[in-house]
Amino acid sequence: MKKKATEMAIPFEVQQIVEKNEETVVNAIPLPPLSAVSESKPKYATNGAKVYKQLFASSQAPEEPKRKPKFIRDITEPAPQHTKTAAGLFTLPAFDTYASDINFPYNDNSLKELRSNSYVVGENGIGKNIVKQMTDAILHLIAQEDESGWQADKKYRKEKEAAGDRKSPERPSVKIRIINPNITKPELNQLGDESEGKPFFMHVQEPDELDTLKGGPRGRQHFEILKKADDEKNTSGQMRAGSKSVSAKYNLQLNYVIEIRPTQLLEFFRGEIINGARDRACICEILSPEDKHKWPKVGDLGEAYQAKIRPYIENIKSAKGTIICKRANKLINKLREEFFEYYDETQDDVLELMTHRALCRAFRRACLIFIAEGQQWSPALDTWIRWSFMYDMWQQFHYFYDAIRTANGELKVTKQGPPSVRDMLAQEFTFDDVKEKYVKLGYGDNERKIHQAIRTWLSRKYIERTETGYRKIV
């Protein structure tokens, strides 16, 4: 069993203040100014480099804060204690399946929809059965709606079989949104064409269940589908190839949860480590319970649980159009700035690329909880989203960092985190010394990038100029 890390000092908690907003009193997060006075001198967080250095040097993912949004507390209440952290993440794709015709302006001016996926990592016998139990309970209303679709499809297939060589009956429009992982691509396209823009949900208990969907000459078709599922405004479908096939063109909205063992994870993404499928993955772990002698008990997932989560579902279903969540945008800016203080120390492009989708996932989580809680923002939401981003980054680093560096043909680095380029230099150094370290670390010899790093160190007063080069100050 993994031990809890004691060296982490991540500042998740924030203090509550009250802010007047159009004659109403709302909870607000005391965020520092995020706009730069000028683009050349951005204002960064003071502890970002230290925080991320601790994060990636730790042998354990950061522990979930006790301060959580009410939505997270309520939806994870029935989960056994050792699964609660993972449950707060793997249940979100199920809630996202209730959202349609809604988007949120992101920090790059694009519009983000509520779509998500999660890979639940855990050994056999660790309690991953809670995943399906909870997602089934959350999707209960959609499952009831699907029942008429299943009955219509069953009736059509019987009539088609009875017709034999005679003219087959016309296929009715079938609305099914909870799909099986052994679906074929033509079947998925048929359902997508009839979905009327509503999202699908897929739960995969074993990666082998995707074998039917793999298809194609190299068996990689499922990765193309999983990649598209994360992209807004994607175009999926097929052209009609025969009288009995379907022509379909639609936007694939697929939320999914895949259960997988730690030893399977790298194998599952073999050949896709740097091809786009891997970085769509939000990873959450189910670790061993602290006391293995006790039975891990699942709480009520019946009518009482349905009544508790119903208001959240109704809030998600009723939210439509473009909704601006300024607090989520500010938080994402803040997280990005904090990370870039660390990046300017390490110049690690692998981790920097990991932040792109991790920040987007954090934004989508924040927006989902924001609308689920009646479009209210709270300090607990800020705290939990901040943690979820760092948890996501730690998991990406832990499982994929070395594999990505190896795939890129670069130097393999230990799990202690990327080194600080500045720390590796002598007290006094020159531009050529920095360039030599860049090449040794596998960062290349891009002089423009090196000059930018030196300018950043100078602006933050980490170094000063000398007659022959530079000198460290701190």
Protein backbone atom coordinates (compact mmCIF):
# COMPACT_ATOMS: atom_id res chain seq x y z
CA MET A 1 0.00 0.00 0.00
CA LYS A 2 1.27 3.44 -0.84
CA LYS A 3 2.03 5.74 2.07
CA LYS A 4 0.76 9.28 2.16
CA ALA A 5 3.33 11.87 1.27
CA THR A 6 4.37 14.15 4.10
CA GLU A 7 6.58 16.52 2.16
CA MET A 8 3.84 18.19 0.14
CA ALA A 9 3.04 21.79 0.99
CA ILE A 10 0.68 22.69 -1.82
CA PRO A 11 -1.32 25.85 -0.98
CA PHE A 12 -4.78 24.60 -1.99
CA GLU A 13 -6.79 26.50 0.60
CA VAL A 14 -8.03 30.02 -0.06
CA GLN A 15 -9.78 32.46 2.24
CA GLN A 16 -13.36 33.53 1.73
CA ILE A 17 -14.24 37.15 1.05
CA VAL A 18 -17.51 38.81 0.16
CA GLU A 19 -17.86 40.79 -3.02
CA LYS A 20 -20.74 42.97 -4.20
CA ASN A 21 -21.83 42.16 -7.70
CA GLU A 22 -24.81 43.96 -9.21
CA GLU A 23 -26.48 44.43 -5.82
CA THR A 24 -26.10 40.77 -4.82
CA VAL A 25 -23.69 39.28 -2.35
CA VAL A 26 -21.72 36.31 -3.69
CA ASN A 27 -18.74 34.25 -2.63
CA ALA A 28 -15.54 35.30 -4.35
CA ILE A 29 -11.95 34.10 -4.45
CA PRO A 30 -9.22 36.58 -3.48
CA LEU A 31 -7.12 36.15 -6.59
CA PRO A 32 -4.19 38.50 -7.24
CA PRO A 33 -4.17 40.62 -10.43
CA LEU A 34 -3.75 38.38 -13.46
CA SER A 35 -3.16 40.99 -16.14
CA ALA A 36 0.38 41.98 -16.93
CA VAL A 37 1.36 45.63 -16.84
CA SER A 38 3.11 44.88 -20.10
CA GLU A 39 3.52 41.65 -22.02
CA SER A 40 7.25 41.69 -21.40
CA LYS A 41 6.89 41.74 -17.60
CA PRO A 42 4.04 39.45 -16.50
CA LYS A 43 3.14 39.19 -12.84
CA TYR A 44 3.74 35.62 -11.66
CA ALA A 45 2.83 33.80 -8.46
CA THR A 46 5.59 33.99 -5.88
CA ASN A 47 5.63 30.29 -4.94
CA GLY A 48 4.86 28.60 -8.27
CA ALA A 49 8.35 27.19 -8.85
CA LYS A 50 8.57 25.85 -5.30
CA VAL A 51 5.10 24.30 -5.39
CA TYR A 52 5.66 22.39 -8.63
CA LYS A 53 9.16 21.35 -7.64
CA GLN A 54 7.61 19.71 -4.55
CA LEU A 55 4.78 18.24 -6.59
CA PHE A 56 6.93 16.40 -9.12
CA ALA A 57 9.53 15.35 -6.55
CA SER A 58 6.88 13.65 -4.42
CA SER A 59 6.36 9.88 -4.68
CA GLN A 60 2.63 10.38 -4.04
CA ALA A 61 -0.12 12.33 -5.73
CA PRO A 62 -1.26 15.36 -3.72
CA GLU A 63 -3.91 14.49 -1.17
CA GLU A 64 -7.42 15.75 -1.88
CA PRO A 65 -8.28 18.76 0.27
CA LYS A 66 -10.90 18.40 2.98
CA ARG A 67 -12.57 21.52 1.67
CA LYS A 68 -14.73 20.38 -1.25
CA PRO A 69 -17.68 21.80 -3.20
CA LYS A 70 -21.05 20.57 -1.95
CA PHE A 71 -21.59 18.90 -5.31
CA ILE A 72 -18.46 16.76 -4.87
CA ARG A 73 -19.33 15.92 -1.26
CA ASP A 74 -22.85 14.83 -2.20
CA ILE A 75 -22.04 12.77 -5.28
CA THR A 76 -19.18 10.88 -3.57
CA GLU A 77 -20.97 10.25 -0.27
CA PRO A 78 -21.84 6.57 -1.04
CA ALA A 79 -18.29 5.71 -2.18
CA PRO A 80 -16.10 3.71 0.23
CA GLN A 81 -13.53 5.97 1.89
CA HIS A 82 -10.53 4.71 -0.10
CA THR A 83 -12.35 5.38 -3.41
CA LYS A 84 -13.72 8.87 -2.70
CA THR A 85 -10.87 10.78 -4.35
CA ALA A 86 -11.21 8.81 -7.58
CA ALA A 87 -15.02 8.98 -7.40
CA GLY A 88 -14.92 12.77 -7.45
CA LEU A 89 -13.28 12.54 -10.88
CA PHE A 90 -14.67 9.42 -12.56
CA THR A 91 -18.31 10.42 -11.91
CA LEU A 92 -17.98 13.73 -13.79
CA PRO A 93 -18.22 12.21 -17.32
CA ALA A 94 -21.61 10.77 -16.32
CA PHE A 95 -22.87 14.20 -15.25
CA ASP A 96 -21.44 15.76 -18.42
CA THR A 97 -23.68 13.41 -20.42
CA TYR A 98 -26.70 15.42 -19.25
CA ALA A 99 -25.28 18.64 -20.75
CA SER A 100 -26.12 19.68 -24.30
CA ASP A 101 -26.26 22.94 -26.27
CA ILE A 102 -24.01 24.67 -23.75
CA ASN A 103 -20.52 26.11 -23.99
CA PHE A 104 -18.13 28.35 -22.06
CA PRO A 105 -15.63 30.92 -23.40
CA TYR A 106 -12.12 29.67 -22.63
CA ASN A 107 -9.02 31.78 -22.05
CA ASP A 108 -7.87 31.41 -25.68
CA ASN A 109 -11.26 32.73 -26.94
CA SER A 110 -12.45 29.27 -28.01
CA LEU A 111 -15.74 27.82 -26.76
CA LYS A 112 -15.51 24.71 -24.56
CA GLU A 113 -18.31 22.19 -24.13
CA LEU A 114 -18.84 19.95 -21.12
CA ARG A 115 -17.26 16.72 -22.29
CA SER A 116 -14.79 14.59 -20.33
CA ASN A 117 -13.24 11.18 -19.89
CA SER A 118 -11.48 9.35 -17.09
CA TYR A 119 -9.13 6.39 -16.78
CA VAL A 120 -9.61 4.69 -13.42
CA VAL A 121 -6.35 2.99 -12.45
CA GLY A 122 -6.32 0.24 -9.85
CA GLU A 123 -5.27 -3.33 -9.26
CA ASN A 124 -7.73 -6.21 -9.46
CA GLY A 125 -9.78 -6.60 -6.30
CA ILE A 126 -9.15 -3.02 -5.19
CA GLY A 127 -12.79 -1.95 -5.48
CA LYS A 128 -13.18 -0.74 -9.06
CA ASN A 129 -16.69 -2.23 -9.04
CA ILE A 130 -17.79 1.04 -7.44
CA VAL A 131 -17.18 2.76 -10.80
CA LYS A 132 -20.06 1.09 -12.63
CA GLN A 133 -22.33 1.18 -9.59
CA MET A 134 -21.98 4.93 -9.27
CA THR A 135 -22.13 5.81 -12.98
CA ASP A 136 -25.21 3.59 -13.39
CA ALA A 137 -26.89 5.44 -10.51
CA ILE A 138 -26.02 8.86 -11.95
CA LEU A 139 -27.20 7.89 -15.45
CA HIS A 140 -30.46 6.37 -14.19
CA LEU A 141 -32.65 8.95 -15.97
CA ILE A 142 -30.86 8.49 -19.31
CA ALA A 143 -31.06 4.71 -18.96
CA GLN A 144 -34.84 5.01 -18.58
CA GLU A 145 -35.01 7.15 -21.74
CA ASP A 146 -32.83 4.60 -23.57
CA GLU A 147 -35.23 1.77 -22.82
CA SER A 148 -37.68 2.86 -25.53
CA GLY A 149 -34.76 2.98 -27.99
CA TRP A 150 -33.69 -0.55 -27.11
CA GLN A 151 -37.26 -1.81 -27.51
CA ALA A 152 -37.63 -0.09 -30.91
CA ASP A 153 -34.32 -1.56 -32.11
CA LYS A 154 -35.25 -5.04 -30.88
CA LYS A 155 -38.64 -4.89 -32.64
CA TYR A 156 -37.05 -3.69 -35.89
CA ARG A 157 -34.49 -6.51 -35.90
CA LYS A 158 -37.19 -9.13 -35.36
CA GLU A 159 -39.30 -7.73 -38.20
CA LYS A 160 -36.26 -7.58 -40.47
CA GLU A 161 -35.41 -11.20 -39.71
CA ALA A 162 -39.02 -12.29 -40.33
CA ALA A 163 -39.11 -10.45 -43.68
CA GLY A 164 -36.29 -12.60 -45.06
CA ASP A 165 -35.73 -11.88 -48.75
CA ARG A 166 -38.76 -9.62 -48.91
CA LYS A 167 -38.47 -5.88 -48.54
CA SER A 168 -37.21 -5.08 -45.06
CA PRO A 169 -39.19 -2.68 -42.89
CA GLU A 170 -37.90 0.87 -42.62
CA ARG A 171 -35.57 1.31 -39.67
CA PRO A 172 -37.06 3.57 -36.99
CA SER A 173 -35.04 6.40 -35.42
CA VAL A 174 -33.38 4.82 -32.38
CA LYS A 175 -32.32 7.01 -29.47
CA ILE A 176 -29.72 5.22 -27.33
CA ARG A 177 -27.11 7.24 -25.44
CA ILE A 178 -25.49 4.74 -23.06
CA ILE A 179 -23.51 2.63 -25.51
CA ASN A 180 -21.62 -0.63 -25.09
CA PRO A 181 -17.86 -0.65 -25.72
CA ASN A 182 -18.20 -3.56 -28.17
CA ILE A 183 -20.12 -1.35 -30.60
CA THR A 184 -18.87 -1.19 -34.20
CA LYS A 185 -18.03 2.09 -35.87
CA PRO A 186 -20.98 1.85 -38.35
CA GLU A 187 -23.33 1.25 -35.41
CA LEU A 188 -21.85 4.25 -33.59
CA ASN A 189 -22.32 6.39 -36.71
CA GLN A 190 -25.94 5.23 -37.00
CA LEU A 191 -26.66 6.22 -33.38
CA GLY A 192 -24.72 9.45 -33.78
CA ASP A 193 -26.79 10.39 -36.81
CA GLU A 194 -29.97 9.89 -34.74
CA SER A 195 -28.70 11.44 -31.49
CA GLU A 196 -29.98 14.98 -32.20
CA GLY A 197 -26.80 16.41 -30.69
CA LYS A 198 -27.14 14.63 -27.35
CA PRO A 199 -23.95 13.21 -25.77
CA PHE A 200 -23.18 9.50 -25.40
CA PHE A 201 -21.67 7.71 -22.42
CA MET A 202 -19.50 4.58 -22.54
CA HIS A 203 -18.14 2.58 -19.61
CA VAL A 204 -15.28 0.15 -20.31
CA GLN A 205 -14.52 -2.35 -17.56
CA GLU A 206 -11.64 -4.01 -19.42
CA PRO A 207 -9.59 -2.53 -22.32
CA ASP A 208 -10.22 -5.73 -24.29
CA GLU A 209 -13.88 -4.73 -24.57
CA LEU A 210 -12.78 -2.15 -27.17
CA ASP A 211 -11.51 -4.85 -29.57
CA THR A 212 -14.60 -4.59 -31.80
CA LEU A 213 -14.27 -0.83 -32.00
CA LYS A 214 -10.56 -1.00 -32.86
CA GLY A 215 -11.23 -2.10 -36.44
CA GLY A 216 -9.19 -0.69 -39.29
CA PRO A 217 -6.06 -2.20 -40.86
CA ARG A 218 -3.85 -1.47 -37.84
CA GLY A 219 -6.43 -1.82 -35.10
CA ARG A 220 -6.08 1.85 -34.04
CA GLN A 221 -9.56 3.06 -34.98
CA HIS A 222 -10.69 3.30 -31.34
CA PHE A 223 -7.99 5.89 -30.63
CA GLU A 224 -9.30 8.12 -33.40
CA ILE A 225 -12.76 7.90 -31.84
CA LEU A 226 -11.44 8.59 -28.32
CA LYS A 227 -9.51 11.60 -29.64
CA LYS A 228 -12.50 13.03 -31.48
CA ALA A 229 -14.65 12.61 -28.38
CA ASP A 230 -12.58 15.30 -26.67
CA ASP A 231 -12.71 17.82 -29.52
CA GLU A 232 -15.45 20.40 -29.92
CA LYS A 233 -17.02 20.74 -33.36
CA ASN A 234 -15.49 17.51 -34.64
CA THR A 235 -16.97 15.87 -37.72
CA SER A 236 -17.71 12.16 -37.52
CA GLY A 237 -19.63 9.77 -39.74
CA GLN A 238 -19.36 7.93 -43.03
CA MET A 239 -20.50 8.08 -46.64
CA ARG A 240 -23.09 5.55 -47.82
CA ALA A 241 -21.29 2.57 -49.36
CA GLY A 242 -24.28 0.42 -50.27
CA SER A 243 -28.06 0.19 -50.19
CA LYS A 244 -28.01 -1.33 -46.70
CA SER A 245 -25.48 1.04 -45.15
CA VAL A 246 -26.02 4.43 -43.57
CA SER A 247 -24.69 7.83 -44.55
CA ALA A 248 -24.09 9.91 -41.45
CA LYS A 249 -22.45 13.19 -40.54
CA TYR A 250 -22.57 14.42 -36.96
CA ASN A 251 -20.61 15.90 -34.06
CA LEU A 252 -19.42 13.05 -31.83
CA GLN A 253 -20.00 13.86 -28.16
CA LEU A 254 -18.79 10.87 -26.17
CA ASN A 255 -17.99 10.85 -22.46
CA TYR A 256 -16.27 7.71 -21.28
CA VAL A 257 -14.75 5.96 -18.27
CA ILE A 258 -12.17 3.21 -18.77
CA GLU A 259 -11.03 0.94 -15.96
CA ILE A 260 -7.44 -0.24 -16.29
CA ARG A 261 -4.65 -1.75 -14.23
CA PRO A 262 -1.41 0.22 -13.69
CA THR A 263 0.60 -2.33 -15.66
CA GLN A 264 -1.83 -2.04 -18.60
CA LEU A 265 -1.79 1.72 -18.93
CA LEU A 266 1.45 2.18 -20.89
CA GLU A 267 0.70 -0.90 -22.99
CA PHE A 268 -2.76 0.46 -23.82
CA PHE A 269 -1.25 3.67 -25.20
CA ARG A 270 1.67 2.00 -26.95
CA GLY A 271 2.18 3.81 -30.25
CA GLU A 272 -0.02 6.69 -29.07
CA ILE A 273 2.18 8.23 -26.38
CA ILE A 274 2.84 11.33 -28.48
CA ASN A 275 0.01 11.04 -31.02
CA GLY A 276 -2.81 12.81 -29.19
CA ALA A 277 -4.86 10.01 -27.64
CA ARG A 278 -2.85 9.85 -24.44
CA ASP A 279 -3.10 13.53 -23.53
CA ARG A 280 -6.91 13.33 -23.57
CA ALA A 281 -6.72 11.10 -20.51
CA CYS A 282 -7.63 12.23 -17.02
CA ILE A 283 -6.19 9.58 -14.69
CA CYS A 284 -7.48 8.84 -11.21
CA GLU A 285 -6.23 6.09 -8.92
CA ILE A 286 -8.00 3.79 -6.51
CA LEU A 287 -5.45 2.87 -3.86
CA SER A 288 -5.66 0.15 -1.22
CA PRO A 289 -7.80 0.90 1.85
CA GLU A 290 -5.90 1.81 4.99
CA ASP A 291 -7.33 -1.18 6.86
CA LYS A 292 -7.65 -4.21 4.59
CA HIS A 293 -9.32 -6.23 7.35
CA LYS A 294 -12.50 -4.15 7.12
CA TRP A 295 -15.07 -4.58 4.40
CA PRO A 296 -15.24 -1.42 2.25
CA LYS A 297 -18.94 -0.62 2.30
CA VAL A 298 -20.86 1.11 -0.48
CA GLY A 299 -23.50 3.54 0.70
CA ASP A 300 -27.03 4.02 -0.60
CA LEU A 301 -27.26 4.45 -4.37
CA GLY A 302 -31.04 4.08 -4.53
CA GLU A 303 -33.90 6.53 -4.18
CA ALA A 304 -32.26 8.64 -1.47
CA TYR A 305 -29.15 9.12 -3.60
CA GLN A 306 -31.26 9.84 -6.68
CA ALA A 307 -33.15 12.52 -4.77
CA LYS A 308 -29.90 14.11 -3.58
CA ILE A 309 -28.30 14.37 -7.03
CA ARG A 310 -31.50 15.23 -8.96
CA PRO A 311 -31.25 19.02 -8.38
CA TYR A 312 -27.69 19.00 -9.75
CA ILE A 313 -28.82 17.08 -12.83
CA GLU A 314 -31.73 19.44 -13.42
CA ASN A 315 -29.39 22.44 -13.16
CA ILE A 316 -27.06 20.86 -15.73
CA LYS A 317 -29.90 19.98 -18.11
CA SER A 318 -31.49 23.42 -17.93
CA ALA A 319 -28.26 25.38 -18.62
CA LYS A 320 -28.17 26.38 -22.31
CA GLY A 321 -26.25 28.65 -24.61
CA THR A 322 -22.98 30.43 -23.90
CA ILE A 323 -22.30 30.91 -20.19
CA ILE A 324 -19.43 33.05 -18.96
CA CYS A 325 -17.72 31.83 -15.80
CA LYS A 326 -15.20 34.59 -15.04
CA ARG A 327 -13.97 32.93 -11.87
CA ALA A 328 -13.06 29.76 -13.76
CA ASN A 329 -11.16 31.80 -16.36
CA LYS A 330 -9.27 33.70 -13.65
CA LEU A 331 -8.38 30.49 -11.85
CA ILE A 332 -7.03 28.88 -15.04
CA ASN A 333 -4.93 31.99 -15.68
CA LYS A 334 -3.62 31.80 -12.14
CA LEU A 335 -2.74 28.09 -12.42
CA ARG A 336 -1.00 28.65 -15.73
CA GLU A 337 1.06 31.55 -14.39
CA GLU A 338 2.12 29.53 -11.35
CA PHE A 339 3.20 26.65 -13.56
CA PHE A 340 5.16 28.94 -15.88
CA GLU A 341 7.25 30.18 -12.98
CA TYR A 342 8.33 26.55 -12.62
CA TYR A 343 8.74 26.14 -16.40
CA ASP A 344 11.04 29.14 -16.56
CA GLU A 345 13.28 27.36 -14.06
CA THR A 346 13.33 23.95 -15.77
CA GLN A 347 12.55 24.78 -19.43
CA ASP A 348 10.84 21.38 -19.60
CA ASP A 349 8.71 21.32 -22.75
CA VAL A 350 7.18 17.90 -22.01
CA LEU A 351 5.53 19.13 -18.83
CA GLU A 352 4.57 22.40 -20.49
CA LEU A 353 2.73 20.48 -23.23
CA MET A 354 0.99 18.40 -20.56
CA THR A 355 -0.51 21.53 -19.06
CA HIS A 356 -2.47 22.44 -22.21
CA ARG A 357 -5.16 19.80 -21.89
CA ALA A 358 -4.83 19.48 -18.10
CA LEU A 359 -5.80 23.15 -17.78
CA CYS A 360 -8.70 22.64 -20.18
CA ARG A 361 -9.90 19.64 -18.13
CA ALA A 362 -9.70 21.72 -14.96
CA PHE A 363 -11.71 24.48 -16.66
CA ARG A 364 -14.42 22.06 -17.76
CA ARG A 365 -14.63 20.58 -14.25
CA ALA A 366 -15.01 24.05 -12.79
CA CYS A 367 -17.75 24.96 -15.27
CA LEU A 368 -19.65 21.71 -14.66
CA ILE A 369 -19.67 22.19 -10.89
CA PHE A 370 -20.47 25.89 -11.35
CA ILE A 371 -23.70 25.15 -13.23
CA ALA A 372 -24.54 22.08 -11.13
CA GLU A 373 -24.50 24.28 -8.03
CA GLY A 374 -26.84 26.82 -9.61
CA GLN A 375 -24.14 28.96 -11.25
CA GLN A 376 -22.58 29.86 -7.91
CA TRP A 377 -18.83 30.07 -7.23
CA SER A 378 -17.36 29.24 -3.84
CA PRO A 379 -13.92 29.16 -2.18
CA ALA A 380 -14.31 25.37 -1.91
CA LEU A 381 -14.69 25.14 -5.69
CA ASP A 382 -11.50 27.16 -6.19
CA THR A 383 -9.67 24.92 -3.71
CA TRP A 384 -10.84 21.66 -5.27
CA ILE A 385 -10.20 22.66 -8.89
CA ARG A 386 -6.70 23.84 -7.97
CA TRP A 387 -6.06 20.43 -6.39
CA SER A 388 -7.59 18.52 -9.33
CA PHE A 389 -5.24 20.24 -11.78
CA MET A 390 -2.15 19.39 -9.72
CA TYR A 391 -3.41 15.84 -9.17
CA ASP A 392 -3.94 15.49 -12.93
CA MET A 393 -0.44 16.82 -13.67
CA TRP A 394 1.17 14.49 -11.12
CA GLN A 395 -0.57 11.46 -12.64
CA GLN A 396 0.48 12.48 -16.17
CA PHE A 397 4.05 12.91 -14.99
CA HIS A 398 4.10 9.68 -12.99
CA TYR A 399 2.76 7.43 -15.74
CA PHE A 400 3.89 9.04 -18.99
CA TYR A 401 6.77 11.47 -18.55
CA ASP A 402 9.66 9.04 -19.07
CA ALA A 403 7.83 7.29 -21.92
CA ILE A 404 7.29 10.61 -23.72
CA ARG A 405 10.94 11.62 -23.31
CA THR A 406 12.03 8.22 -24.59
CA ALA A 407 9.60 8.40 -27.53
CA ASN A 408 11.02 11.81 -28.39
CA GLY A 409 14.53 10.37 -28.29
CA GLU A 410 15.49 12.61 -25.40
CA LEU A 411 17.28 12.03 -22.11
CA LYS A 412 15.36 9.93 -19.62
CA VAL A 413 14.87 11.72 -16.30
CA THR A 414 14.19 10.12 -12.91
CA LYS A 415 10.96 10.57 -10.99
CA GLN A 416 12.48 13.34 -8.89
CA GLY A 417 11.22 15.89 -11.39
CA PRO A 418 13.04 17.87 -14.07
CA PRO A 419 16.16 19.68 -12.84
CA SER A 420 16.42 23.46 -12.64
CA VAL A 421 18.76 24.59 -15.41
CA ARG A 422 19.83 27.57 -13.31
CA ASP A 423 20.67 25.37 -10.29
CA MET A 424 22.99 23.29 -12.50
CA LEU A 425 25.09 26.29 -13.47
CA ALA A 426 28.12 27.61 -11.58
CA GLN A 427 27.80 30.74 -9.45
CA GLU A 428 29.13 32.76 -12.40
CA PHE A 429 28.37 31.60 -15.91
CA THR A 430 28.14 32.66 -19.52
CA PHE A 431 25.62 32.26 -22.31
CA ASP A 432 27.68 29.37 -23.72
CA ASP A 433 27.49 27.61 -20.33
CA VAL A 434 23.69 27.77 -20.45
CA LYS A 435 23.66 26.54 -24.04
CA GLU A 436 25.89 23.59 -23.10
CA LYS A 437 23.46 22.59 -20.32
CA TYR A 438 20.51 22.83 -22.71
CA VAL A 439 22.18 20.46 -25.16
CA LYS A 440 23.18 18.05 -22.38
CA LEU A 441 19.60 17.93 -21.05
CA GLY A 442 18.22 17.25 -24.50
CA TYR A 443 16.51 20.66 -24.81
CA GLY A 444 18.27 21.54 -28.09
CA ASP A 445 20.43 24.56 -28.93
CA ASN A 446 17.77 27.12 -29.82
CA GLU A 447 19.58 30.36 -28.91
CA ARG A 448 16.40 32.45 -29.01
CA LYS A 449 14.85 30.21 -26.37
CA ILE A 450 18.00 30.38 -24.23
CA HIS A 451 18.10 34.19 -24.44
CA GLN A 452 14.44 34.27 -23.35
CA ALA A 453 15.22 32.10 -20.30
CA ILE A 454 18.11 34.38 -19.30
CA ARG A 455 15.92 37.48 -19.69
CA THR A 456 13.32 35.88 -17.43
CA TRP A 457 15.93 35.14 -14.75
CA LEU A 458 17.17 38.74 -14.98
CA SER A 459 13.66 40.24 -14.72
CA ARG A 460 12.94 38.18 -11.60
CA LYS A 461 16.30 39.12 -10.09
CA TYR A 462 17.46 35.51 -9.92
CA ILE A 463 20.70 36.58 -11.65
CA GLU A 464 22.59 39.77 -12.47
CA ARG A 465 24.91 40.80 -15.28
CA THR A 466 28.70 40.84 -14.84
CA GLU A 467 31.50 42.03 -17.10
CA THR A 468 32.02 38.49 -18.42
CA GLY A 469 28.50 37.08 -18.23
CA TYR A 470 26.07 36.51 -15.37
CA ARG A 471 26.06 35.79 -11.61
CA LYS A 472 23.44 34.05 -9.46
CA ILE A 473 21.73 36.17 -6.81
CA VAL A 474 19.45 33.50 -5.28
